[in-house]
């Protein structure tokens, strides 16, 4: 979920402040950020499960993009990467088609791109 109005300004100031130090490591996985990560992880897992490999947005790219944007150290990058991969693997390893309805490719691509955008905005 994207912060709105003054919350967005506050979030931006906080991120800029903590990213200039290594303090971000302790605050990186807020509930809002975890929700965004979880949605992208689930969509990517569903995409892999449904065979939409080309449409699934690689989580590694998103992790690197966010980490580079905030100059995160290796420990913080690892923490962020683990959060992405655990949600992706959880969705992928469920192995039950009934749990997730395989989306149409065009719909899936749109949802995955939106999820990626939501992650970028959450950080």
N, C-alpha and C. Protein backbone atom coordinates (compact mmCIF):
# COMPACT_ATOMS: atom_id res chain seq x y z
N UNK A 1 0.84 -1.18 0.00
CA UNK A 1 0.00 0.00 0.00
C UNK A 1 0.88 1.24 0.00
N UNK A 2 0.52 2.17 -0.79
CA UNK A 2 1.30 3.39 -0.98
C UNK A 2 0.95 4.43 0.09
N UNK A 3 1.97 5.03 0.74
CA UNK A 3 1.67 6.10 1.69
C UNK A 3 1.06 7.28 0.95
N UNK A 4 0.15 8.00 1.61
CA UNK A 4 -0.51 9.13 0.95
C UNK A 4 -0.22 10.43 1.68
N UNK A 5 -0.28 11.53 0.91
CA UNK A 5 -0.21 12.87 1.47
C UNK A 5 1.01 13.12 2.32
N UNK A 6 0.73 13.63 3.54
CA UNK A 6 1.83 13.97 4.44
C UNK A 6 2.58 12.72 4.88
N UNK A 7 1.88 11.57 4.91
CA UNK A 7 2.55 10.32 5.27
C UNK A 7 3.66 10.00 4.27
N UNK A 8 3.41 10.29 2.99
CA UNK A 8 4.42 10.04 1.96
C UNK A 8 5.63 10.93 2.18
N UNK A 9 5.39 12.19 2.52
CA UNK A 9 6.48 13.11 2.79
C UNK A 9 7.30 12.64 3.99
N UNK A 10 6.60 12.26 5.05
CA UNK A 10 7.29 11.77 6.26
C UNK A 10 8.09 10.53 5.94
N UNK A 11 7.47 9.59 5.21
CA UNK A 11 8.16 8.35 4.85
C UNK A 11 9.41 8.65 4.02
N UNK A 12 9.29 9.59 3.09
CA UNK A 12 10.42 9.95 2.24
C UNK A 12 11.56 10.54 3.06
N UNK A 13 11.22 11.44 3.97
CA UNK A 13 12.24 12.05 4.83
C UNK A 13 12.92 11.00 5.70
N UNK A 14 12.11 10.09 6.26
CA UNK A 14 12.67 9.03 7.11
C UNK A 14 13.62 8.14 6.32
N UNK A 15 13.19 7.75 5.12
CA UNK A 15 14.03 6.88 4.30
C UNK A 15 15.32 7.58 3.93
N UNK A 16 15.24 8.86 3.55
CA UNK A 16 16.44 9.60 3.18
C UNK A 16 17.38 9.75 4.38
N UNK A 17 16.79 9.94 5.56
CA UNK A 17 17.61 10.11 6.76
C UNK A 17 18.32 8.83 7.13
N UNK A 18 17.55 7.73 7.21
CA UNK A 18 18.16 6.48 7.66
C UNK A 18 19.04 5.86 6.59
N UNK A 19 18.76 6.12 5.32
CA UNK A 19 19.58 5.51 4.27
C UNK A 19 20.96 6.15 4.21
N UNK A 20 21.10 7.33 4.77
CA UNK A 20 22.42 7.96 4.78
C UNK A 20 23.32 7.34 5.85
N UNK A 21 22.71 6.57 6.74
CA UNK A 21 23.49 5.80 7.72
C UNK A 21 23.13 4.34 7.51
N UNK A 22 23.58 3.48 8.36
CA UNK A 22 23.20 2.07 8.25
C UNK A 22 22.03 1.74 9.15
N UNK A 23 21.32 2.76 9.61
CA UNK A 23 20.19 2.55 10.51
C UNK A 23 19.01 1.90 9.82
N UNK A 24 19.02 1.91 8.49
CA UNK A 24 17.89 1.35 7.74
C UNK A 24 17.71 -0.14 8.01
N UNK A 25 18.79 -0.83 8.33
CA UNK A 25 18.71 -2.28 8.53
C UNK A 25 17.67 -2.65 9.58
N UNK A 26 17.59 -1.89 10.65
CA UNK A 26 16.65 -2.20 11.72
C UNK A 26 15.21 -1.88 11.37
N UNK A 27 14.99 -0.98 10.42
CA UNK A 27 13.64 -0.51 10.12
C UNK A 27 13.14 -0.93 8.74
N UNK A 28 13.90 -1.76 8.06
CA UNK A 28 13.60 -2.02 6.65
C UNK A 28 12.29 -2.77 6.43
N UNK A 29 11.95 -3.72 7.28
CA UNK A 29 10.78 -4.56 7.01
C UNK A 29 9.57 -4.13 7.83
N UNK A 30 9.09 -2.93 7.53
CA UNK A 30 7.87 -2.44 8.17
C UNK A 30 6.69 -3.23 7.63
N UNK A 31 5.55 -3.22 8.33
CA UNK A 31 4.37 -3.95 7.83
C UNK A 31 3.97 -3.55 6.41
N UNK A 32 4.03 -2.26 6.11
CA UNK A 32 3.68 -1.79 4.76
C UNK A 32 4.61 -2.38 3.72
N UNK A 33 5.88 -2.38 4.02
CA UNK A 33 6.86 -2.92 3.08
C UNK A 33 6.72 -4.43 2.94
N UNK A 34 6.47 -5.10 4.06
CA UNK A 34 6.28 -6.55 4.00
C UNK A 34 5.05 -6.91 3.17
N UNK A 35 3.98 -6.13 3.29
CA UNK A 35 2.78 -6.38 2.48
C UNK A 35 3.09 -6.25 0.99
N UNK A 36 3.85 -5.22 0.64
CA UNK A 36 4.22 -5.02 -0.76
C UNK A 36 5.10 -6.16 -1.26
N UNK A 37 6.06 -6.55 -0.43
CA UNK A 37 6.95 -7.65 -0.78
C UNK A 37 6.16 -8.95 -0.93
N UNK A 38 5.25 -9.18 0.01
CA UNK A 38 4.47 -10.42 -0.02
C UNK A 38 3.63 -10.52 -1.29
N UNK A 39 3.02 -9.41 -1.69
CA UNK A 39 2.19 -9.42 -2.91
C UNK A 39 3.04 -9.74 -4.13
N UNK A 40 4.20 -9.11 -4.24
CA UNK A 40 5.08 -9.39 -5.37
C UNK A 40 5.58 -10.82 -5.31
N UNK A 41 5.93 -11.28 -4.12
CA UNK A 41 6.39 -12.66 -3.97
C UNK A 41 5.34 -13.67 -4.38
N UNK A 42 4.10 -13.43 -3.96
CA UNK A 42 3.01 -14.33 -4.32
C UNK A 42 2.77 -14.33 -5.82
N UNK A 43 2.73 -13.14 -6.41
CA UNK A 43 2.49 -13.06 -7.86
C UNK A 43 3.59 -13.76 -8.64
N UNK A 44 4.83 -13.58 -8.21
CA UNK A 44 5.93 -14.23 -8.92
C UNK A 44 5.86 -15.73 -8.74
N UNK A 45 5.51 -16.17 -7.52
CA UNK A 45 5.36 -17.60 -7.28
C UNK A 45 4.26 -18.20 -8.13
N UNK A 46 3.14 -17.47 -8.22
CA UNK A 46 2.02 -17.92 -9.04
C UNK A 46 2.46 -17.98 -10.50
N UNK A 47 3.20 -16.97 -10.93
CA UNK A 47 3.67 -16.94 -12.31
C UNK A 47 4.56 -18.13 -12.63
N UNK A 48 5.46 -18.47 -11.70
CA UNK A 48 6.33 -19.62 -11.91
C UNK A 48 5.51 -20.90 -11.94
N UNK A 49 4.56 -21.00 -11.01
CA UNK A 49 3.72 -22.19 -10.91
C UNK A 49 2.90 -22.39 -12.17
N UNK A 50 2.43 -21.29 -12.74
CA UNK A 50 1.57 -21.35 -13.93
C UNK A 50 2.38 -21.42 -15.22
N UNK A 51 3.69 -21.33 -15.12
CA UNK A 51 4.51 -21.40 -16.32
C UNK A 51 4.70 -20.06 -17.00
N UNK A 52 4.38 -18.97 -16.32
CA UNK A 52 4.56 -17.64 -16.90
C UNK A 52 5.96 -17.11 -16.56
N UNK A 53 6.96 -17.91 -16.84
CA UNK A 53 8.33 -17.55 -16.44
C UNK A 53 8.77 -16.22 -17.03
N UNK A 54 8.43 -15.97 -18.28
CA UNK A 54 8.88 -14.74 -18.93
C UNK A 54 8.18 -13.51 -18.36
N UNK A 55 6.96 -13.70 -17.89
CA UNK A 55 6.19 -12.57 -17.37
C UNK A 55 6.52 -12.27 -15.92
N UNK A 56 6.97 -13.29 -15.20
CA UNK A 56 7.28 -13.10 -13.78
C UNK A 56 8.46 -12.14 -13.65
N UNK A 57 8.27 -11.10 -12.86
CA UNK A 57 9.34 -10.12 -12.68
C UNK A 57 10.34 -10.70 -11.68
N UNK A 58 11.60 -10.86 -12.10
CA UNK A 58 12.57 -11.46 -11.18
C UNK A 58 12.70 -10.64 -9.89
N UNK A 59 12.57 -11.32 -8.77
CA UNK A 59 12.66 -10.63 -7.48
C UNK A 59 14.04 -10.04 -7.28
N UNK A 60 15.05 -10.72 -7.78
CA UNK A 60 16.42 -10.24 -7.58
C UNK A 60 16.58 -8.83 -8.15
N UNK A 61 15.97 -8.57 -9.29
CA UNK A 61 16.07 -7.23 -9.90
C UNK A 61 15.46 -6.17 -8.99
N UNK A 62 14.34 -6.50 -8.36
CA UNK A 62 13.67 -5.54 -7.49
C UNK A 62 14.51 -5.30 -6.25
N UNK A 63 15.08 -6.38 -5.69
CA UNK A 63 15.93 -6.25 -4.50
C UNK A 63 17.12 -5.35 -4.81
N UNK A 64 17.78 -5.60 -5.92
CA UNK A 64 18.96 -4.80 -6.28
C UNK A 64 18.57 -3.34 -6.51
N UNK A 65 17.45 -3.14 -7.19
CA UNK A 65 16.98 -1.78 -7.47
C UNK A 65 16.72 -1.00 -6.19
N UNK A 66 16.00 -1.62 -5.24
CA UNK A 66 15.69 -0.96 -3.97
C UNK A 66 16.96 -0.77 -3.15
N UNK A 67 17.80 -1.81 -3.10
CA UNK A 67 19.03 -1.74 -2.30
C UNK A 67 19.97 -0.66 -2.82
N UNK A 68 20.13 -0.59 -4.13
CA UNK A 68 21.01 0.43 -4.71
C UNK A 68 20.47 1.84 -4.47
N UNK A 69 19.16 1.97 -4.57
CA UNK A 69 18.52 3.28 -4.38
C UNK A 69 18.82 3.85 -2.99
N UNK A 70 18.91 2.95 -2.00
CA UNK A 70 19.12 3.41 -0.63
C UNK A 70 20.52 3.10 -0.10
N UNK A 71 21.42 2.70 -0.98
CA UNK A 71 22.81 2.44 -0.60
C UNK A 71 22.89 1.49 0.59
N UNK A 72 22.14 0.39 0.52
CA UNK A 72 22.09 -0.56 1.64
C UNK A 72 23.38 -1.38 1.72
N UNK A 73 23.77 -1.70 2.94
CA UNK A 73 24.94 -2.55 3.12
C UNK A 73 24.54 -4.01 2.83
N UNK A 74 25.53 -4.90 2.82
CA UNK A 74 25.28 -6.29 2.43
C UNK A 74 24.32 -7.00 3.38
N UNK A 75 24.42 -6.73 4.68
CA UNK A 75 23.53 -7.39 5.64
C UNK A 75 22.08 -7.00 5.41
N UNK A 76 21.86 -5.73 5.10
CA UNK A 76 20.51 -5.24 4.84
C UNK A 76 19.98 -5.81 3.53
N UNK A 77 20.84 -5.86 2.52
CA UNK A 77 20.45 -6.45 1.24
C UNK A 77 20.03 -7.90 1.43
N UNK A 78 20.78 -8.62 2.25
CA UNK A 78 20.46 -10.04 2.49
C UNK A 78 19.12 -10.18 3.19
N UNK A 79 18.86 -9.31 4.14
CA UNK A 79 17.59 -9.36 4.87
C UNK A 79 16.41 -9.09 3.92
N UNK A 80 16.58 -8.11 3.07
CA UNK A 80 15.54 -7.78 2.09
C UNK A 80 15.36 -8.93 1.10
N UNK A 81 16.46 -9.47 0.61
CA UNK A 81 16.40 -10.59 -0.33
C UNK A 81 15.72 -11.80 0.25
N UNK A 82 16.01 -12.10 1.51
CA UNK A 82 15.37 -13.25 2.17
C UNK A 82 13.87 -13.07 2.27
N UNK A 83 13.43 -11.85 2.54
CA UNK A 83 11.99 -11.59 2.64
C UNK A 83 11.30 -11.82 1.29
N UNK A 84 11.91 -11.36 0.22
CA UNK A 84 11.35 -11.57 -1.12
C UNK A 84 11.28 -13.06 -1.44
N UNK A 85 12.41 -13.73 -1.26
CA UNK A 85 12.48 -15.13 -1.68
C UNK A 85 11.59 -16.04 -0.85
N UNK A 86 11.43 -15.74 0.43
CA UNK A 86 10.57 -16.59 1.26
C UNK A 86 9.12 -16.50 0.81
N UNK A 87 8.65 -15.31 0.45
CA UNK A 87 7.26 -15.19 0.00
C UNK A 87 7.08 -15.80 -1.38
N UNK A 88 8.07 -15.64 -2.24
CA UNK A 88 8.00 -16.24 -3.57
C UNK A 88 7.98 -17.77 -3.46
N UNK A 89 8.90 -18.30 -2.64
CA UNK A 89 8.99 -19.75 -2.50
C UNK A 89 7.76 -20.34 -1.83
N UNK A 90 7.20 -19.59 -0.90
CA UNK A 90 5.99 -20.06 -0.21
C UNK A 90 4.84 -20.22 -1.21
N UNK A 91 4.68 -19.24 -2.08
CA UNK A 91 3.63 -19.31 -3.10
C UNK A 91 3.93 -20.43 -4.09
N UNK A 92 5.17 -20.52 -4.52
CA UNK A 92 5.55 -21.50 -5.53
C UNK A 92 5.47 -22.92 -5.00
N UNK A 93 5.89 -23.12 -3.76
CA UNK A 93 5.96 -24.47 -3.20
C UNK A 93 4.64 -24.98 -2.67
N UNK A 94 3.60 -24.15 -2.70
CA UNK A 94 2.31 -24.65 -2.23
C UNK A 94 1.87 -25.82 -3.10
N UNK A 95 2.19 -25.75 -4.39
CA UNK A 95 1.94 -26.86 -5.29
C UNK A 95 0.48 -27.20 -5.49
N UNK A 96 -0.41 -26.36 -5.01
CA UNK A 96 -1.84 -26.64 -5.14
C UNK A 96 -2.45 -25.59 -6.04
N UNK A 97 -2.90 -26.02 -7.20
CA UNK A 97 -3.46 -25.06 -8.14
C UNK A 97 -4.72 -24.43 -7.58
N UNK A 98 -5.42 -25.14 -6.69
CA UNK A 98 -6.64 -24.60 -6.10
C UNK A 98 -6.39 -23.40 -5.21
N UNK A 99 -5.16 -23.31 -4.66
CA UNK A 99 -4.83 -22.19 -3.78
C UNK A 99 -4.77 -20.87 -4.54
N UNK A 100 -4.31 -20.94 -5.76
CA UNK A 100 -4.15 -19.74 -6.56
C UNK A 100 -4.71 -20.01 -7.95
N UNK A 101 -5.58 -19.15 -8.38
CA UNK A 101 -6.10 -19.29 -9.74
C UNK A 101 -5.05 -18.74 -10.69
N UNK A 102 -4.62 -19.57 -11.63
CA UNK A 102 -3.62 -19.12 -12.59
C UNK A 102 -4.21 -18.02 -13.45
N UNK A 103 -3.61 -16.85 -13.44
CA UNK A 103 -4.19 -15.71 -14.17
C UNK A 103 -3.92 -15.80 -15.66
N UNK A 104 -4.68 -15.05 -16.42
CA UNK A 104 -4.37 -14.89 -17.84
C UNK A 104 -3.07 -14.11 -17.92
N UNK A 105 -2.31 -14.38 -18.95
CA UNK A 105 -0.97 -13.81 -19.05
C UNK A 105 -0.97 -12.28 -19.01
N UNK A 106 -1.85 -11.64 -19.76
CA UNK A 106 -1.88 -10.18 -19.80
C UNK A 106 -2.25 -9.60 -18.44
N UNK A 107 -3.23 -10.22 -17.78
CA UNK A 107 -3.65 -9.77 -16.45
C UNK A 107 -2.51 -9.96 -15.45
N UNK A 108 -1.83 -11.10 -15.58
CA UNK A 108 -0.72 -11.39 -14.67
C UNK A 108 0.40 -10.36 -14.83
N UNK A 109 0.74 -10.04 -16.08
CA UNK A 109 1.79 -9.06 -16.33
C UNK A 109 1.45 -7.72 -15.70
N UNK A 110 0.20 -7.31 -15.86
CA UNK A 110 -0.24 -6.02 -15.30
C UNK A 110 -0.15 -6.03 -13.78
N UNK A 111 -0.61 -7.12 -13.16
CA UNK A 111 -0.59 -7.21 -11.69
C UNK A 111 0.84 -7.26 -11.18
N UNK A 112 1.70 -7.98 -11.88
CA UNK A 112 3.09 -8.08 -11.45
C UNK A 112 3.81 -6.74 -11.56
N UNK A 113 3.55 -6.01 -12.63
CA UNK A 113 4.15 -4.68 -12.78
C UNK A 113 3.66 -3.72 -11.70
N UNK A 114 2.37 -3.81 -11.39
CA UNK A 114 1.81 -2.97 -10.34
C UNK A 114 2.41 -3.33 -8.99
N UNK A 115 2.59 -4.62 -8.74
CA UNK A 115 3.20 -5.05 -7.48
C UNK A 115 4.63 -4.55 -7.37
N UNK A 116 5.36 -4.59 -8.47
CA UNK A 116 6.73 -4.09 -8.46
C UNK A 116 6.74 -2.59 -8.15
N UNK A 117 5.83 -1.85 -8.76
CA UNK A 117 5.72 -0.42 -8.51
C UNK A 117 5.39 -0.15 -7.04
N UNK A 118 4.49 -0.94 -6.48
CA UNK A 118 4.11 -0.77 -5.07
C UNK A 118 5.30 -1.00 -4.15
N UNK A 119 6.14 -1.98 -4.49
CA UNK A 119 7.33 -2.22 -3.68
C UNK A 119 8.26 -1.02 -3.76
N UNK A 120 8.49 -0.52 -4.96
CA UNK A 120 9.38 0.64 -5.13
C UNK A 120 8.87 1.84 -4.35
N UNK A 121 7.55 2.05 -4.37
CA UNK A 121 6.97 3.19 -3.66
C UNK A 121 7.01 2.99 -2.14
N UNK A 122 6.90 1.75 -1.70
CA UNK A 122 6.93 1.47 -0.26
C UNK A 122 8.30 1.79 0.33
N UNK A 123 9.33 1.72 -0.51
CA UNK A 123 10.67 2.04 -0.06
C UNK A 123 11.06 3.45 -0.46
